[in-house]
Amino acid sequence: MTEAARALGIHQSTLTTQISRLERDLGRPLIERAERGRRMRPTPFGRKVAAAVKRLIGPGGRP
């Protein structure tokens, strides 16, 4: 989470809060939370959401 927040130029707590809000709004988890020694990764639902967003924003990264 820290690396992703750094890449986005935001605080890790901000990213965590936003992901939690999205999960609450969508009603399903987007990320499998990390356990000791394991990296976080998207859930199958999270991968579908990410793919849909990529289709919406297009190749230039903007809608």
N, C-alpha and C. Protein backbone atom coordinates (compact mmCIF):
# COMPACT_ATOMS: atom_id res chain seq x y z
N MET A 1 0.83 -1.17 0.00
CA MET A 1 0.00 0.00 0.00
C MET A 1 0.88 1.25 0.00
N THR A 2 1.96 1.18 0.75
CA THR A 2 2.85 2.33 0.84
C THR A 2 3.46 2.65 -0.52
N GLU A 3 3.90 1.63 -1.24
CA GLU A 3 4.49 1.85 -2.57
C GLU A 3 3.46 2.43 -3.53
N ALA A 4 2.25 1.93 -3.50
CA ALA A 4 1.20 2.43 -4.39
C ALA A 4 0.88 3.89 -4.06
N ALA A 5 0.76 4.21 -2.78
CA ALA A 5 0.48 5.58 -2.38
C ALA A 5 1.60 6.52 -2.83
N ARG A 6 2.82 6.07 -2.66
CA ARG A 6 3.97 6.89 -3.08
C ARG A 6 3.92 7.14 -4.58
N ALA A 7 3.59 6.11 -5.36
CA ALA A 7 3.51 6.26 -6.81
C ALA A 7 2.40 7.24 -7.21
N LEU A 8 1.34 7.30 -6.41
CA LEU A 8 0.23 8.21 -6.69
C LEU A 8 0.45 9.60 -6.11
N GLY A 9 1.46 9.73 -5.27
CA GLY A 9 1.75 11.02 -4.66
C GLY A 9 0.80 11.39 -3.54
N ILE A 10 0.28 10.36 -2.84
CA ILE A 10 -0.62 10.60 -1.72
C ILE A 10 -0.14 9.82 -0.50
N HIS A 11 -0.73 10.11 0.65
CA HIS A 11 -0.37 9.38 1.87
C HIS A 11 -1.01 8.00 1.85
N GLN A 12 -0.34 7.05 2.48
CA GLN A 12 -0.83 5.68 2.54
C GLN A 12 -2.19 5.62 3.22
N SER A 13 -2.40 6.42 4.25
CA SER A 13 -3.69 6.40 4.96
C SER A 13 -4.82 6.89 4.06
N THR A 14 -4.53 7.84 3.18
CA THR A 14 -5.54 8.34 2.23
C THR A 14 -5.93 7.23 1.26
N LEU A 15 -4.95 6.52 0.74
CA LEU A 15 -5.22 5.43 -0.19
C LEU A 15 -6.03 4.33 0.49
N THR A 16 -5.65 3.96 1.69
CA THR A 16 -6.37 2.93 2.43
C THR A 16 -7.82 3.33 2.66
N THR A 17 -8.04 4.58 3.03
CA THR A 17 -9.39 5.08 3.27
C THR A 17 -10.22 5.03 1.99
N GLN A 18 -9.64 5.46 0.88
CA GLN A 18 -10.38 5.47 -0.38
C GLN A 18 -10.72 4.05 -0.85
N ILE A 19 -9.80 3.13 -0.70
CA ILE A 19 -10.08 1.74 -1.08
C ILE A 19 -11.18 1.17 -0.20
N SER A 20 -11.13 1.44 1.08
CA SER A 20 -12.18 0.96 2.00
C SER A 20 -13.54 1.53 1.62
N ARG A 21 -13.58 2.80 1.25
CA ARG A 21 -14.84 3.41 0.82
C ARG A 21 -15.37 2.75 -0.45
N LEU A 22 -14.49 2.51 -1.40
CA LEU A 22 -14.90 1.84 -2.63
C LEU A 22 -15.46 0.45 -2.33
N GLU A 23 -14.77 -0.28 -1.49
CA GLU A 23 -15.23 -1.62 -1.13
C GLU A 23 -16.60 -1.55 -0.46
N ARG A 24 -16.78 -0.59 0.42
CA ARG A 24 -18.08 -0.43 1.08
C ARG A 24 -19.16 -0.08 0.07
N ASP A 25 -18.87 0.87 -0.83
CA ASP A 25 -19.85 1.29 -1.84
C ASP A 25 -20.20 0.17 -2.81
N LEU A 26 -19.21 -0.62 -3.19
CA LEU A 26 -19.43 -1.70 -4.14
C LEU A 26 -19.93 -2.98 -3.47
N GLY A 27 -19.78 -3.06 -2.15
CA GLY A 27 -20.30 -4.19 -1.40
C GLY A 27 -19.45 -5.44 -1.44
N ARG A 28 -18.23 -5.32 -1.94
CA ARG A 28 -17.34 -6.49 -2.02
C ARG A 28 -15.90 -6.03 -1.88
N PRO A 29 -15.03 -6.92 -1.37
CA PRO A 29 -13.62 -6.55 -1.25
C PRO A 29 -12.94 -6.47 -2.61
N LEU A 30 -12.04 -5.50 -2.75
CA LEU A 30 -11.26 -5.33 -3.97
C LEU A 30 -9.87 -5.91 -3.84
N ILE A 31 -9.40 -6.01 -2.59
CA ILE A 31 -8.03 -6.44 -2.32
C ILE A 31 -8.02 -7.52 -1.26
N GLU A 32 -7.21 -8.56 -1.49
CA GLU A 32 -6.95 -9.57 -0.46
C GLU A 32 -5.88 -8.98 0.44
N ARG A 33 -6.21 -8.76 1.67
CA ARG A 33 -5.27 -8.14 2.60
C ARG A 33 -4.06 -9.03 2.83
N ALA A 34 -2.92 -8.39 2.97
CA ALA A 34 -1.66 -9.12 3.14
C ALA A 34 -1.58 -9.77 4.51
N GLU A 35 -1.00 -10.93 4.51
CA GLU A 35 -0.64 -11.59 5.76
C GLU A 35 0.87 -11.52 5.84
N ARG A 36 1.39 -11.80 6.98
CA ARG A 36 2.84 -11.73 7.15
C ARG A 36 3.56 -12.53 6.07
N GLY A 37 4.46 -11.86 5.37
CA GLY A 37 5.24 -12.53 4.34
C GLY A 37 4.55 -12.65 2.99
N ARG A 38 3.34 -12.10 2.89
CA ARG A 38 2.57 -12.20 1.64
C ARG A 38 2.20 -10.81 1.15
N ARG A 39 2.27 -10.59 -0.14
CA ARG A 39 1.89 -9.31 -0.70
C ARG A 39 0.38 -9.23 -0.88
N MET A 40 -0.12 -8.01 -0.87
CA MET A 40 -1.54 -7.80 -1.16
C MET A 40 -1.75 -8.04 -2.65
N ARG A 41 -2.96 -8.48 -2.99
CA ARG A 41 -3.28 -8.66 -4.40
C ARG A 41 -4.78 -8.44 -4.58
N PRO A 42 -5.19 -8.12 -5.81
CA PRO A 42 -6.62 -7.89 -6.04
C PRO A 42 -7.41 -9.18 -5.96
N THR A 43 -8.63 -9.05 -5.51
CA THR A 43 -9.56 -10.18 -5.54
C THR A 43 -10.03 -10.36 -6.99
N PRO A 44 -10.69 -11.46 -7.31
CA PRO A 44 -11.24 -11.59 -8.66
C PRO A 44 -12.17 -10.41 -9.00
N PHE A 45 -12.98 -9.98 -8.04
CA PHE A 45 -13.85 -8.82 -8.25
C PHE A 45 -13.01 -7.56 -8.47
N GLY A 46 -11.94 -7.40 -7.70
CA GLY A 46 -11.05 -6.25 -7.86
C GLY A 46 -10.43 -6.21 -9.25
N ARG A 47 -10.07 -7.38 -9.79
CA ARG A 47 -9.52 -7.43 -11.15
C ARG A 47 -10.56 -7.01 -12.18
N LYS A 48 -11.81 -7.41 -11.97
CA LYS A 48 -12.88 -7.01 -12.90
C LYS A 48 -13.10 -5.50 -12.85
N VAL A 49 -13.09 -4.94 -11.66
CA VAL A 49 -13.27 -3.49 -11.50
C VAL A 49 -12.11 -2.75 -12.17
N ALA A 50 -10.89 -3.21 -11.94
CA ALA A 50 -9.72 -2.57 -12.55
C ALA A 50 -9.79 -2.62 -14.07
N ALA A 51 -10.22 -3.76 -14.63
CA ALA A 51 -10.33 -3.89 -16.08
C ALA A 51 -11.39 -2.94 -16.63
N ALA A 52 -12.50 -2.81 -15.92
CA ALA A 52 -13.57 -1.90 -16.36
C ALA A 52 -13.09 -0.46 -16.33
N VAL A 53 -12.34 -0.09 -15.31
CA VAL A 53 -11.81 1.27 -15.22
C VAL A 53 -10.83 1.52 -16.35
N LYS A 54 -9.98 0.57 -16.64
CA LYS A 54 -9.02 0.73 -17.75
C LYS A 54 -9.74 0.94 -19.07
N ARG A 55 -10.85 0.23 -19.29
CA ARG A 55 -11.62 0.42 -20.52
C ARG A 55 -12.23 1.82 -20.56
N LEU A 56 -12.67 2.32 -19.41
CA LEU A 56 -13.28 3.64 -19.36
C LEU A 56 -12.28 4.77 -19.60
N ILE A 57 -11.09 4.64 -19.03
CA ILE A 57 -10.14 5.75 -19.14
C ILE A 57 -9.35 5.70 -20.43
N GLY A 58 -9.30 4.56 -21.07
CA GLY A 58 -8.63 4.46 -22.36
C GLY A 58 -7.11 4.42 -22.24
N PRO A 59 -6.44 4.31 -23.39
CA PRO A 59 -4.99 4.12 -23.41
C PRO A 59 -4.20 5.32 -22.91
N GLY A 60 -4.75 6.53 -22.99
CA GLY A 60 -4.02 7.73 -22.55
C GLY A 60 -4.11 7.98 -21.06
N GLY A 61 -4.90 7.19 -20.35
CA GLY A 61 -5.02 7.36 -18.90
C GLY A 61 -6.01 8.41 -18.48
N ARG A 62 -6.75 8.96 -19.43
CA ARG A 62 -7.76 9.97 -19.10
C ARG A 62 -9.09 9.57 -19.74
N PRO A 63 -10.20 9.90 -19.09
CA PRO A 63 -11.51 9.59 -19.68
C PRO A 63 -11.73 10.35 -20.97
